[in-house]
PDB file of N, CA and C in Angstrom:
ATOM      1  N   MET A   1     155.433 -80.052 -39.226  1.00  0.00           N
ATOM      2  CA  MET A   1     155.263 -79.029 -38.211  1.00  0.00           C
ATOM      3  C   MET A   1     156.598 -78.824 -37.489  1.00  0.00           C
ATOM      4  N   ARG A   2     157.145 -77.649 -37.629  1.00  0.00           N
ATOM      5  CA  ARG A   2     158.424 -77.321 -37.001  1.00  0.00           C
ATOM      6  C   ARG A   2     158.158 -76.574 -35.695  1.00  0.00           C
ATOM      7  N   PHE A   3     158.472 -77.194 -34.590  1.00  0.00           N
ATOM      8  CA  PHE A   3     158.139 -76.604 -33.293  1.00  0.00           C
ATOM      9  C   PHE A   3     159.352 -76.362 -32.394  1.00  0.00           C
ATOM     10  N   VAL A   4     160.537 -76.780 -32.819  1.00  0.00           N
ATOM     11  CA  VAL A   4     161.729 -76.579 -31.994  1.00  0.00           C
ATOM     12  C   VAL A   4     162.226 -75.153 -32.213  1.00  0.00           C
ATOM     13  N   THR A   5     161.967 -74.307 -31.229  1.00  0.00           N
ATOM     14  CA  THR A   5     162.376 -72.904 -31.316  1.00  0.00           C
ATOM     15  C   THR A   5     163.838 -72.761 -30.898  1.00  0.00           C
ATOM     16  N   LYS A   6     164.362 -71.587 -31.123  1.00  0.00           N
ATOM     17  CA  LYS A   6     165.730 -71.274 -30.710  1.00  0.00           C
ATOM     18  C   LYS A   6     165.875 -71.454 -29.191  1.00  0.00           C
ATOM     19  N   THR A   7     164.857 -71.069 -28.435  1.00  0.00           N
ATOM     20  CA  THR A   7     164.879 -71.202 -26.975  1.00  0.00           C
ATOM     21  C   THR A   7     164.923 -72.667 -26.555  1.00  0.00           C
ATOM     22  N   ILE A   8     164.074 -73.486 -27.163  1.00  0.00           N
ATOM     23  CA  ILE A   8     164.068 -74.920 -26.844  1.00  0.00           C
ATOM     24  C   ILE A   8     165.418 -75.532 -27.195  1.00  0.00           C
ATOM     25  N   HIS A   9     165.913 -75.204 -28.380  1.00  0.00           N
ATOM     26  CA  HIS A   9     167.197 -75.750 -28.826  1.00  0.00           C
ATOM     27  C   HIS A   9     168.313 -75.363 -27.851  1.00  0.00           C
ATOM     28  N   ALA A  10     168.334 -74.104 -27.454  1.00  0.00           N
ATOM     29  CA  ALA A  10     169.371 -73.630 -26.528  1.00  0.00           C
ATOM     30  C   ALA A  10     169.308 -74.385 -25.203  1.00  0.00           C
ATOM     31  N   ARG A  11     168.107 -74.667 -24.729  1.00  0.00           N
ATOM     32  CA  ARG A  11     167.959 -75.388 -23.457  1.00  0.00           C
ATOM     33  C   ARG A  11     168.421 -76.839 -23.560  1.00  0.00           C
ATOM     34  N   LEU A  12     168.387 -77.399 -24.757  1.00  0.00           N
ATOM     35  CA  LEU A  12     168.849 -78.769 -24.965  1.00  0.00           C
ATOM     36  C   LEU A  12     170.368 -78.858 -25.111  1.00  0.00           C
ATOM     37  N   ASP A  13     170.978 -77.787 -25.592  1.00  0.00           N
ATOM     38  CA  ASP A  13     172.393 -77.832 -25.970  1.00  0.00           C
ATOM     39  C   ASP A  13     173.333 -78.244 -24.844  1.00  0.00           C
ATOM     40  N   TYR A  14     173.244 -77.609 -23.692  1.00  0.00           N
ATOM     41  CA  TYR A  14     174.198 -77.908 -22.611  1.00  0.00           C
ATOM     42  C   TYR A  14     174.059 -79.341 -22.089  1.00  0.00           C
ATOM     43  N   PRO A  15     172.839 -79.816 -21.756  1.00  0.00           N
ATOM     44  CA  PRO A  15     172.747 -81.198 -21.275  1.00  0.00           C
ATOM     45  C   PRO A  15     173.140 -82.230 -22.331  1.00  0.00           C
ATOM     46  N   VAL A  16     172.832 -81.956 -23.597  1.00  0.00           N
ATOM     47  CA  VAL A  16     173.220 -82.897 -24.653  1.00  0.00           C
ATOM     48  C   VAL A  16     174.741 -82.946 -24.776  1.00  0.00           C
ATOM     49  N   ALA A  17     175.398 -81.796 -24.742  1.00  0.00           N
ATOM     50  CA  ALA A  17     176.864 -81.768 -24.826  1.00  0.00           C
ATOM     51  C   ALA A  17     177.479 -82.557 -23.670  1.00  0.00           C
ATOM     52  N   LEU A  18     176.956 -82.360 -22.465  1.00  0.00           N
ATOM     53  CA  LEU A  18     177.479 -83.090 -21.303  1.00  0.00           C
ATOM     54  C   LEU A  18     177.221 -84.590 -21.430  1.00  0.00           C
ATOM     55  N   ALA A  19     176.064 -84.953 -21.975  1.00  0.00           N
ATOM     56  CA  ALA A  19     175.758 -86.372 -22.187  1.00  0.00           C
ATOM     57  C   ALA A  19     176.709 -86.990 -23.209  1.00  0.00           C
ATOM     58  N   LEU A  20     177.016 -86.249 -24.270  1.00  0.00           N
ATOM     59  CA  LEU A  20     177.954 -86.764 -25.277  1.00  0.00           C
ATOM     60  C   LEU A  20     179.340 -86.997 -24.676  1.00  0.00           C
ATOM     61  N   ILE A  21     179.683 -86.211 -23.681  1.00  0.00           N
ATOM     62  CA  ILE A  21     180.975 -86.372 -23.011  1.00  0.00           C
ATOM     63  C   ILE A  21     180.947 -87.572 -22.056  1.00  0.00           C
ATOM     64  N   ALA A  22     179.896 -87.701 -21.273  1.00  0.00           N
ATOM     65  CA  ALA A  22     179.865 -88.695 -20.194  1.00  0.00           C
ATOM     66  C   ALA A  22     179.333 -90.072 -20.594  1.00  0.00           C
ATOM     67  N   LEU A  23     178.299 -90.116 -21.427  1.00  0.00           N
ATOM     68  CA  LEU A  23     177.631 -91.394 -21.700  1.00  0.00           C
ATOM     69  C   LEU A  23     178.527 -92.492 -22.275  1.00  0.00           C
ATOM     70  N   PRO A  24     179.455 -92.186 -23.163  1.00  0.00           N
ATOM     71  CA  PRO A  24     180.300 -93.284 -23.662  1.00  0.00           C
ATOM     72  C   PRO A  24     181.036 -94.030 -22.548  1.00  0.00           C
ATOM     73  N   PHE A  25     181.444 -93.304 -21.515  1.00  0.00           N
ATOM     74  CA  PHE A  25     182.132 -93.937 -20.387  1.00  0.00           C
ATOM     75  C   PHE A  25     181.144 -94.699 -19.509  1.00  0.00           C
ATOM     76  N   LEU A  26     179.991 -94.095 -19.264  1.00  0.00           N
ATOM     77  CA  LEU A  26     178.976 -94.742 -18.422  1.00  0.00           C
ATOM     78  C   LEU A  26     178.409 -95.999 -19.077  1.00  0.00           C
ATOM     79  N   LEU A  27     178.314 -95.982 -20.415  1.00  0.00           N
ATOM     80  CA  LEU A  27     177.760 -97.128 -21.141  1.00  0.00           C
ATOM     81  C   LEU A  27     178.820 -98.168 -21.509  1.00  0.00           C
ATOM     82  N   GLY A  28     180.068 -97.836 -21.281  1.00  0.00           N
ATOM     83  CA  GLY A  28     181.141 -98.771 -21.626  1.00  0.00           C
ATOM     84  C   GLY A  28     181.341 -98.937 -23.122  1.00  0.00           C
ATOM     85  N   LEU A  29     181.200 -97.850 -23.868  1.00  0.00           N
ATOM     86  CA  LEU A  29     181.403 -97.936 -25.313  1.00  0.00           C
ATOM     87  C   LEU A  29     182.861 -98.258 -25.628  1.00  0.00           C
ATOM     88  N   GLY A  30     183.087 -98.700 -26.838  1.00  0.00           N
ATOM     89  CA  GLY A  30     184.432 -98.994 -27.299  1.00  0.00           C
ATOM     90  C   GLY A  30     184.726-100.470 -27.438  1.00  0.00           C
ATOM     91  N   THR A  31     183.723-101.317 -27.261  1.00  0.00           N
ATOM     92  CA  THR A  31     183.969-102.760 -27.353  1.00  0.00           C
ATOM     93  C   THR A  31     184.190-103.219 -28.791  1.00  0.00           C
ATOM     94  N   SER A  32     183.543-102.566 -29.755  1.00  0.00           N
ATOM     95  CA  SER A  32     183.725-102.975 -31.148  1.00  0.00           C
ATOM     96  C   SER A  32     184.846-102.201 -31.837  1.00  0.00           C
ATOM     97  N   HIS A  33     185.169-101.041 -31.302  1.00  0.00           N
ATOM     98  CA  HIS A  33     186.238-100.203 -31.866  1.00  0.00           C
ATOM     99  C   HIS A  33     186.569 -99.137 -30.826  1.00  0.00           C
ATOM    100  N   PRO A  34     187.846 -98.889 -30.545  1.00  0.00           N
ATOM    101  CA  PRO A  34     188.195 -97.905 -29.511  1.00  0.00           C
ATOM    102  C   PRO A  34     187.697 -96.489 -29.808  1.00  0.00           C
ATOM    103  N   LEU A  35     187.555 -96.147 -31.079  1.00  0.00           N
ATOM    104  CA  LEU A  35     187.071 -94.803 -31.408  1.00  0.00           C
ATOM    105  C   LEU A  35     185.608 -94.591 -31.018  1.00  0.00           C
ATOM    106  N   ALA A  36     184.863 -95.674 -30.823  1.00  0.00           N
ATOM    107  CA  ALA A  36     183.476 -95.532 -30.374  1.00  0.00           C
ATOM    108  C   ALA A  36     183.425 -94.887 -28.993  1.00  0.00           C
ATOM    109  N   LEU A  37     184.470 -95.092 -28.208  1.00  0.00           N
ATOM    110  CA  LEU A  37     184.562 -94.451 -26.895  1.00  0.00           C
ATOM    111  C   LEU A  37     185.061 -93.018 -27.013  1.00  0.00           C
ATOM    112  N   GLY A  38     185.972 -92.750 -27.914  1.00  0.00           N
ATOM    113  CA  GLY A  38     186.646 -91.458 -27.958  1.00  0.00           C
ATOM    114  C   GLY A  38     185.990 -90.358 -28.763  1.00  0.00           C
ATOM    115  N   ILE A  39     185.246 -90.699 -29.796  1.00  0.00           N
ATOM    116  CA  ILE A  39     184.709 -89.663 -30.688  1.00  0.00           C
ATOM    117  C   ILE A  39     183.637 -88.817 -30.008  1.00  0.00           C
ATOM    118  N   SER A  40     182.698 -89.446 -29.349  1.00  0.00           N
ATOM    119  CA  SER A  40     181.585 -88.712 -28.744  1.00  0.00           C
ATOM    120  C   SER A  40     182.040 -87.669 -27.724  1.00  0.00           C
ATOM    121  N   PRO A  41     182.960 -87.986 -26.810  1.00  0.00           N
ATOM    122  CA  PRO A  41     183.407 -86.942 -25.877  1.00  0.00           C
ATOM    123  C   PRO A  41     184.070 -85.750 -26.575  1.00  0.00           C
ATOM    124  N   VAL A  42     184.828 -86.011 -27.626  1.00  0.00           N
ATOM    125  CA  VAL A  42     185.447 -84.909 -28.373  1.00  0.00           C
ATOM    126  C   VAL A  42     184.367 -84.043 -29.020  1.00  0.00           C
ATOM    127  N   ILE A  43     183.369 -84.689 -29.617  1.00  0.00           N
ATOM    128  CA  ILE A  43     182.248 -83.950 -30.217  1.00  0.00           C
ATOM    129  C   ILE A  43     181.479 -83.216 -29.125  1.00  0.00           C
ATOM    130  N   GLY A  44     181.324 -83.825 -27.961  1.00  0.00           N
ATOM    131  CA  GLY A  44     180.632 -83.178 -26.847  1.00  0.00           C
ATOM    132  C   GLY A  44     181.330 -81.910 -26.387  1.00  0.00           C
ATOM    133  N   ILE A  45     182.654 -81.948 -26.307  1.00  0.00           N
ATOM    134  CA  ILE A  45     183.416 -80.749 -25.931  1.00  0.00           C
ATOM    135  C   ILE A  45     183.251 -79.676 -26.998  1.00  0.00           C
ATOM    136  N   ALA A  46     183.321 -80.085 -28.267  1.00  0.00           N
ATOM    137  CA  ALA A  46     183.117 -79.131 -29.364  1.00  0.00           C
ATOM    138  C   ALA A  46     181.705 -78.551 -29.317  1.00  0.00           C
ATOM    139  N   ALA A  47     180.709 -79.388 -29.010  1.00  0.00           N
ATOM    140  CA  ALA A  47     179.323 -78.918 -28.917  1.00  0.00           C
ATOM    141  C   ALA A  47     179.159 -77.927 -27.768  1.00  0.00           C
ATOM    142  N   LEU A  48     179.840 -78.184 -26.672  1.00  0.00           N
ATOM    143  CA  LEU A  48     179.802 -77.265 -25.532  1.00  0.00           C
ATOM    144  C   LEU A  48     180.382 -75.905 -25.926  1.00  0.00           C
ATOM    145  N   LEU A  49     181.508 -75.920 -26.602  1.00  0.00           N
ATOM    146  CA  LEU A  49     182.118 -74.666 -27.067  1.00  0.00           C
ATOM    147  C   LEU A  49     181.226 -73.959 -28.083  1.00  0.00           C
ATOM    148  N   LEU A  50     180.631 -74.731 -28.994  1.00  0.00           N
ATOM    149  CA  LEU A  50     179.720 -74.148 -29.982  1.00  0.00           C
ATOM    150  C   LEU A  50     178.561 -73.443 -29.286  1.00  0.00           C
ATOM    151  N   THR A  51     178.014 -74.063 -28.265  1.00  0.00           N
ATOM    152  CA  THR A  51     176.897 -73.484 -27.522  1.00  0.00           C
ATOM    153  C   THR A  51     177.310 -72.209 -26.803  1.00  0.00           C
ATOM    154  N   VAL A  52     178.476 -72.224 -26.193  1.00  0.00           N
ATOM    155  CA  VAL A  52     178.982 -71.040 -25.490  1.00  0.00           C
ATOM    156  C   VAL A  52     179.099 -69.853 -26.446  1.00  0.00           C
ATOM    157  N   PHE A  53     179.500 -70.114 -27.683  1.00  0.00           N
ATOM    158  CA  PHE A  53     179.753 -69.040 -28.644  1.00  0.00           C
ATOM    159  C   PHE A  53     178.572 -68.721 -29.564  1.00  0.00           C
ATOM    160  N   THR A  54     177.436 -69.421 -29.411  1.00  0.00           N
ATOM    161  CA  THR A  54     176.282 -69.199 -30.287  1.00  0.00           C
ATOM    162  C   THR A  54     175.446 -68.016 -29.818  1.00  0.00           C
ATOM    163  N   ASP A  55     174.930 -67.287 -30.782  1.00  0.00           N
ATOM    164  CA  ASP A  55     174.086 -66.122 -30.517  1.00  0.00           C
ATOM    165  C   ASP A  55     172.656 -66.576 -30.197  1.00  0.00           C
ATOM    166  N   HIS A  56     172.468 -67.063 -28.982  1.00  0.00           N
ATOM    167  CA  HIS A  56     171.135 -67.324 -28.429  1.00  0.00           C
ATOM    168  C   HIS A  56     171.176 -66.994 -26.941  1.00  0.00           C
ATOM    169  N   HIS A  57     170.021 -67.017 -26.292  1.00  0.00           N
ATOM    170  CA  HIS A  57     169.945 -66.484 -24.924  1.00  0.00           C
ATOM    171  C   HIS A  57     170.820 -67.217 -23.910  1.00  0.00           C
ATOM    172  N   LEU A  58     171.240 -68.431 -24.191  1.00  0.00           N
ATOM    173  CA  LEU A  58     172.120 -69.149 -23.272  1.00  0.00           C
ATOM    174  C   LEU A  58     173.577 -69.149 -23.727  1.00  0.00           C
ATOM    175  N   GLY A  59     173.850 -68.498 -24.844  1.00  0.00           N
ATOM    176  CA  GLY A  59     175.232 -68.351 -25.288  1.00  0.00           C
ATOM    177  C   GLY A  59     175.951 -67.358 -24.387  1.00  0.00           C
ATOM    178  N   LEU A  60     177.168 -67.657 -24.033  1.00  0.00           N
ATOM    179  CA  LEU A  60     177.920 -66.778 -23.135  1.00  0.00           C
ATOM    180  C   LEU A  60     178.714 -65.724 -23.902  1.00  0.00           C
ATOM    181  N   ILE A  61     179.221 -66.101 -25.064  1.00  0.00           N
ATOM    182  CA  ILE A  61     179.976 -65.189 -25.931  1.00  0.00           C
ATOM    183  C   ILE A  61     179.312 -65.287 -27.301  1.00  0.00           C
ATOM    184  N   ARG A  62     178.358 -64.461 -27.565  1.00  0.00           N
ATOM    185  CA  ARG A  62     177.435 -64.619 -28.699  1.00  0.00           C
ATOM    186  C   ARG A  62     178.005 -64.088 -30.012  1.00  0.00           C
ATOM    187  N   VAL A  63     178.904 -64.849 -30.609  1.00  0.00           N
ATOM    188  CA  VAL A  63     179.536 -64.401 -31.851  1.00  0.00           C
ATOM    189  C   VAL A  63     179.183 -65.271 -33.059  1.00  0.00           C
ATOM    190  N   LEU A  64     178.678 -66.473 -32.854  1.00  0.00           N
ATOM    191  CA  LEU A  64     178.338 -67.354 -33.968  1.00  0.00           C
ATOM    192  C   LEU A  64     176.840 -67.310 -34.244  1.00  0.00           C
ATOM    193  N   PRO A  65     176.450 -67.156 -35.500  1.00  0.00           N
ATOM    194  CA  PRO A  65     175.024 -67.134 -35.827  1.00  0.00           C
ATOM    195  C   PRO A  65     174.363 -68.483 -35.517  1.00  0.00           C
ATOM    196  N   TYR A  66     173.108 -68.399 -35.122  1.00  0.00           N
ATOM    197  CA  TYR A  66     172.337 -69.603 -34.811  1.00  0.00           C
ATOM    198  C   TYR A  66     172.248 -70.520 -36.029  1.00  0.00           C
ATOM    199  N   LYS A  67     172.131 -69.941 -37.214  1.00  0.00           N
ATOM    200  CA  LYS A  67     172.049 -70.752 -38.438  1.00  0.00           C
ATOM    201  C   LYS A  67     173.315 -71.598 -38.611  1.00  0.00           C
ATOM    202  N   LEU A  68     174.474 -71.035 -38.305  1.00  0.00           N
ATOM    203  CA  LEU A  68     175.722 -71.805 -38.360  1.00  0.00           C
ATOM    204  C   LEU A  68     175.685 -72.939 -37.339  1.00  0.00           C
ATOM    205  N   HIS A  69     175.176 -72.648 -36.159  1.00  0.00           N
ATOM    206  CA  HIS A  69     175.041 -73.664 -35.111  1.00  0.00           C
ATOM    207  C   HIS A  69     174.197 -74.838 -35.622  1.00  0.00           C
ATOM    208  N   LEU A  70     173.058 -74.534 -36.249  1.00  0.00           N
ATOM    209  CA  LEU A  70     172.196 -75.593 -36.780  1.00  0.00           C
ATOM    210  C   LEU A  70     172.909 -76.397 -37.866  1.00  0.00           C
ATOM    211  N   THR A  71     173.672 -75.718 -38.701  1.00  0.00           N
ATOM    212  CA  THR A  71     174.407 -76.395 -39.772  1.00  0.00           C
ATOM    213  C   THR A  71     175.448 -77.349 -39.196  1.00  0.00           C
ATOM    214  N   VAL A  72     176.163 -76.899 -38.181  1.00  0.00           N
ATOM    215  CA  VAL A  72     177.155 -77.765 -37.523  1.00  0.00           C
ATOM    216  C   VAL A  72     176.453 -78.954 -36.872  1.00  0.00           C
ATOM    217  N   ASP A  73     175.342 -78.703 -36.190  1.00  0.00           N
ATOM    218  CA  ASP A  73     174.587 -79.798 -35.568  1.00  0.00           C
ATOM    219  C   ASP A  73     174.163 -80.832 -36.609  1.00  0.00           C
ATOM    220  N   LEU A  74     173.664 -80.366 -37.749  1.00  0.00           N
ATOM    221  CA  LEU A  74     173.247 -81.287 -38.807  1.00  0.00           C
ATOM    222  C   LEU A  74     174.437 -82.117 -39.281  1.00  0.00           C
ATOM    223  N   GLY A  75     175.577 -81.473 -39.461  1.00  0.00           N
ATOM    224  CA  GLY A  75     176.782 -82.206 -39.863  1.00  0.00           C
ATOM    225  C   GLY A  75     177.168 -83.276 -38.859  1.00  0.00           C
ATOM    226  N   VAL A  76     177.062 -82.954 -37.580  1.00  0.00           N
ATOM    227  CA  VAL A  76     177.367 -83.931 -36.526  1.00  0.00           C
ATOM    228  C   VAL A  76     176.365 -85.082 -36.572  1.00  0.00           C
ATOM    229  N   GLY A  77     175.088 -84.766 -36.760  1.00  0.00           N
ATOM    230  CA  GLY A  77     174.077 -85.816 -36.846  1.00  0.00           C
ATOM    231  C   GLY A  77     174.349 -86.778 -37.990  1.00  0.00           C
ATOM    232  N   VAL A  78     174.665 -86.239 -39.150  1.00  0.00           N
ATOM    233  CA  VAL A  78     174.975 -87.078 -40.315  1.00  0.00           C
ATOM    234  C   VAL A  78     176.252 -87.886 -40.058  1.00  0.00           C
ATOM    235  N   LEU A  79     177.249 -87.255 -39.466  1.00  0.00           N
ATOM    236  CA  LEU A  79     178.491 -87.962 -39.123  1.00  0.00           C
ATOM    237  C   LEU A  79     178.209 -89.139 -38.194  1.00  0.00           C
ATOM    238  N   PHE A  80     177.398 -88.915 -37.173  1.00  0.00           N
ATOM    239  CA  PHE A  80     177.075 -89.985 -36.228  1.00  0.00           C
ATOM    240  C   PHE A  80     176.331 -91.134 -36.919  1.00  0.00           C
ATOM    241  N   LEU A  81     175.493 -90.817 -37.896  1.00  0.00           N
ATOM    242  CA  LEU A  81     174.793 -91.873 -38.633  1.00  0.00           C
ATOM    243  C   LEU A  81     175.759 -92.674 -39.507  1.00  0.00           C
ATOM    244  N   PHE A  82     176.785 -92.036 -40.010  1.00  0.00           N
ATOM    245  CA  PHE A  82     177.746 -92.635 -40.933  1.00  0.00           C
ATOM    246  C   PHE A  82     178.854 -93.424 -40.220  1.00  0.00           C
ATOM    247  N   LEU A  83     179.275 -92.968 -39.044  1.00  0.00           N
ATOM    248  CA  LEU A  83     180.432 -93.554 -38.355  1.00  0.00           C
ATOM    249  C   LEU A  83     180.354 -95.068 -38.127  1.00  0.00           C
ATOM    250  N   PRO A  84     179.224 -95.614 -37.687  1.00  0.00           N
ATOM    251  CA  PRO A  84     179.203 -97.065 -37.469  1.00  0.00           C
ATOM    252  C   PRO A  84     179.536 -97.866 -38.730  1.00  0.00           C
ATOM    253  N   PHE A  85     179.087 -97.379 -39.876  1.00  0.00           N
ATOM    254  CA  PHE A  85     179.404 -98.060 -41.129  1.00  0.00           C
ATOM    255  C   PHE A  85     180.874 -97.871 -41.492  1.00  0.00           C
ATOM    256  N   ALA A  86     181.350 -96.652 -41.370  1.00  0.00           N
ATOM    257  CA  ALA A  86     182.715 -96.321 -41.794  1.00  0.00           C
ATOM    258  C   ALA A  86     183.777 -96.983 -40.924  1.00  0.00           C
ATOM    259  N   LEU A  87     183.501 -97.089 -39.632  1.00  0.00           N
ATOM    260  CA  LEU A  87     184.512 -97.607 -38.706  1.00  0.00           C
ATOM    261  C   LEU A  87     184.206 -99.008 -38.187  1.00  0.00           C
ATOM    262  N   GLY A  88     183.091 -99.573 -38.619  1.00  0.00           N
ATOM    263  CA  GLY A  88     182.764-100.937 -38.223  1.00  0.00           C
ATOM    264  C   GLY A  88     182.264-101.085 -36.802  1.00  0.00           C
ATOM    265  N   PHE A  89     181.607-100.051 -36.277  1.00  0.00           N
ATOM    266  CA  PHE A  89     181.015-100.178 -34.945  1.00  0.00           C
ATOM    267  C   PHE A  89     179.899-101.215 -35.016  1.00  0.00           C
ATOM    268  N   SER A  90     179.718-101.949 -33.923  1.00  0.00           N
ATOM    269  CA  SER A  90     178.618-102.903 -33.850  1.00  0.00           C
ATOM    270  C   SER A  90     178.025-102.874 -32.447  1.00  0.00           C
ATOM    271  N   GLY A  91     176.902-103.540 -32.291  1.00  0.00           N
ATOM    272  CA  GLY A  91     176.253-103.639 -30.993  1.00  0.00           C
ATOM    273  C   GLY A  91     175.899-102.287 -30.408  1.00  0.00           C
ATOM    274  N   LEU A  92     176.169-102.126 -29.118  1.00  0.00           N
ATOM    275  CA  LEU A  92     175.839-100.885 -28.416  1.00  0.00           C
ATOM    276  C   LEU A  92     176.585 -99.693 -29.006  1.00  0.00           C
ATOM    277  N   ASP A  93     177.819 -99.909 -29.442  1.00  0.00           N
ATOM    278  CA  ASP A  93     178.589 -98.820 -30.052  1.00  0.00           C
ATOM    279  C   ASP A  93     177.833 -98.243 -31.250  1.00  0.00           C
ATOM    280  N   ALA A  94     177.382 -99.103 -32.143  1.00  0.00           N
ATOM    281  CA  ALA A  94     176.654 -98.650 -33.331  1.00  0.00           C
ATOM    282  C   ALA A  94     175.317 -98.026 -32.940  1.00  0.00           C
ATOM    283  N   ALA A  95     174.588 -98.682 -32.051  1.00  0.00           N
ATOM    284  CA  ALA A  95     173.271 -98.173 -31.647  1.00  0.00           C
ATOM    285  C   ALA A  95     173.378 -96.778 -31.043  1.00  0.00           C
ATOM    286  N   TYR A  96     174.389 -96.558 -30.222  1.00  0.00           N
ATOM    287  CA  TYR A  96     174.593 -95.245 -29.595  1.00  0.00           C
ATOM    288  C   TYR A  96     174.743 -94.158 -30.655  1.00  0.00           C
ATOM    289  N   TYR A  97     175.594 -94.401 -31.634  1.00  0.00           N
ATOM    290  CA  TYR A  97     175.831 -93.388 -32.665  1.00  0.00           C
ATOM    291  C   TYR A  97     174.626 -93.232 -33.584  1.00  0.00           C
ATOM    292  N   TRP A  98     173.972 -94.327 -33.948  1.00  0.00           N
ATOM    293  CA  TRP A  98     172.785 -94.213 -34.805  1.00  0.00           C
ATOM    294  C   TRP A  98     171.654 -93.468 -34.099  1.00  0.00           C
ATOM    295  N   LEU A  99     171.412 -93.786 -32.836  1.00  0.00           N
ATOM    296  CA  LEU A  99     170.326 -93.116 -32.107  1.00  0.00           C
ATOM    297  C   LEU A  99     170.621 -91.634 -31.895  1.00  0.00           C
ATOM    298  N   ASN A 100     171.847 -91.320 -31.522  1.00  0.00           N
ATOM    299  CA  ASN A 100     172.200 -89.907 -31.360  1.00  0.00           C
ATOM    300  C   ASN A 100     172.138 -89.166 -32.686  1.00  0.00           C
ATOM    301  N   GLY A 101     172.646 -89.767 -33.740  1.00  0.00           N
ATOM    302  CA  GLY A 101     172.596 -89.140 -35.058  1.00  0.00           C
ATOM    303  C   GLY A 101     171.170 -88.891 -35.504  1.00  0.00           C
ATOM    304  N   ALA A 102     170.308 -89.891 -35.330  1.00  0.00           N
ATOM    305  CA  ALA A 102     168.902 -89.737 -35.718  1.00  0.00           C
ATOM    306  C   ALA A 102     168.223 -88.656 -34.889  1.00  0.00           C
ATOM    307  N   ALA A 103     168.524 -88.601 -33.595  1.00  0.00           N
ATOM    308  CA  ALA A 103     167.919 -87.581 -32.731  1.00  0.00           C
ATOM    309  C   ALA A 103     168.336 -86.181 -33.159  1.00  0.00           C
ATOM    310  N   VAL A 104     169.614 -86.000 -33.469  1.00  0.00           N
ATOM    311  CA  VAL A 104     170.100 -84.674 -33.874  1.00  0.00           C
ATOM    312  C   VAL A 104     169.473 -84.264 -35.199  1.00  0.00           C
ATOM    313  N   VAL A 105     169.446 -85.165 -36.166  1.00  0.00           N
ATOM    314  CA  VAL A 105     168.845 -84.850 -37.467  1.00  0.00           C
ATOM    315  C   VAL A 105     167.361 -84.529 -37.291  1.00  0.00           C
ATOM    316  N   ALA A 106     166.671 -85.263 -36.423  1.00  0.00           N
ATOM    317  CA  ALA A 106     165.250 -84.991 -36.174  1.00  0.00           C
ATOM    318  C   ALA A 106     165.050 -83.611 -35.558  1.00  0.00           C
ATOM    319  N   VAL A 107     165.875 -83.245 -34.594  1.00  0.00           N
ATOM    320  CA  VAL A 107     165.750 -81.919 -33.968  1.00  0.00           C
ATOM    321  C   VAL A 107     165.969 -80.822 -35.003  1.00  0.00           C
ATOM    322  N   ILE A 108     166.951 -80.998 -35.875  1.00  0.00           N
ATOM    323  CA  ILE A 108     167.201 -79.995 -36.913  1.00  0.00           C
ATOM    324  C   ILE A 108     166.022 -79.935 -37.876  1.00  0.00           C
ATOM    325  N   ALA A 109     165.494 -81.086 -38.262  1.00  0.00           N
ATOM    326  CA  ALA A 109     164.351 -81.116 -39.180  1.00  0.00           C
ATOM    327  C   ALA A 109     163.118 -80.463 -38.565  1.00  0.00           C
ATOM    328  N   LEU A 110     163.006 -80.515 -37.249  1.00  0.00           N
ATOM    329  CA  LEU A 110     161.849 -79.945 -36.558  1.00  0.00           C
ATOM    330  C   LEU A 110     162.093 -78.523 -36.060  1.00  0.00           C
ATOM    331  N   SER A 111     163.257 -77.964 -36.378  1.00  0.00           N
ATOM    332  CA  SER A 111     163.591 -76.606 -35.934  1.00  0.00           C
ATOM    333  C   SER A 111     162.931 -75.568 -36.823  1.00  0.00           C
ATOM    334  N   LYS A 112     162.407 -74.528 -36.176  1.00  0.00           N
ATOM    335  CA  LYS A 112     161.809 -73.418 -36.918  1.00  0.00           C
ATOM    336  C   LYS A 112     162.902 -72.648 -37.643  1.00  0.00           C
ATOM    337  N   PRO A 113     162.656 -72.288 -38.903  1.00  0.00           N
ATOM    338  CA  PRO A 113     163.621 -71.426 -39.598  1.00  0.00           C
ATOM    339  C   PRO A 113     163.730 -70.078 -38.890  1.00  0.00           C
ATOM    340  N   GLU A 114     164.873 -69.423 -39.026  1.00  0.00           N
ATOM    341  CA  GLU A 114     165.111 -68.135 -38.352  1.00  0.00           C
ATOM    342  C   GLU A 114     164.037 -67.111 -38.672  1.00  0.00           C
ATOM    343  N   ALA A 115     163.530 -67.069 -39.896  1.00  0.00           N
ATOM    344  CA  ALA A 115     162.492 -66.096 -40.260  1.00  0.00           C
ATOM    345  C   ALA A 115     161.245 -66.305 -39.405  1.00  0.00           C
ATOM    346  N   ASP A 116     160.925 -67.576 -39.119  1.00  0.00           N
ATOM    347  CA  ASP A 116     159.765 -67.885 -38.282  1.00  0.00           C
ATOM    348  C   ASP A 116     160.025 -67.574 -36.815  1.00  0.00           C
ATOM    349  N   LEU A 117     161.289 -67.545 -36.416  1.00  0.00           N
ATOM    350  CA  LEU A 117     161.616 -67.326 -35.009  1.00  0.00           C
ATOM    351  C   LEU A 117     161.276 -65.911 -34.559  1.00  0.00           C
ATOM    352  N   ALA A 118     161.309 -64.962 -35.466  1.00  0.00           N
ATOM    353  CA  ALA A 118     160.988 -63.578 -35.103  1.00  0.00           C
ATOM    354  C   ALA A 118     159.546 -63.454 -34.641  1.00  0.00           C
ATOM    355  N   SER A 119     158.675 -64.302 -35.176  1.00  0.00           N
ATOM    356  CA  SER A 119     157.265 -64.231 -34.798  1.00  0.00           C
ATOM    357  C   SER A 119     156.905 -65.240 -33.718  1.00  0.00           C
ATOM    358  N   ALA A 120     157.867 -66.081 -33.302  1.00  0.00           N
ATOM    359  CA  ALA A 120     157.576 -67.119 -32.297  1.00  0.00           C
ATOM    360  C   ALA A 120     157.623 -66.569 -30.892  1.00  0.00           C
TER     361      ALA A 120
END
């Protein structure tokens, strides 16, 4: 059952981007590898820009298709799942990236396809 509409997704985008920027510092990430602290804020800034430029009701400059936005989100989710293995993150560093990656992939998997959005 796919229930995450474009509207729901758009409402999640800004707070999630801000969380990706702030949480690594608040949680003290980077104990197992310094990149565990640095990658998430960079992705958060990119996510914020992606949201600003996405063609949905909360996009400010609506030039990027929503489908592209979902594709980028999926790529970020997969990247977050892969990073702890690739860079040797452990403990809270690894858990942070695995949980965020799983959450993003789940949201994409539960997102309504664009064809269904016209009738939603």
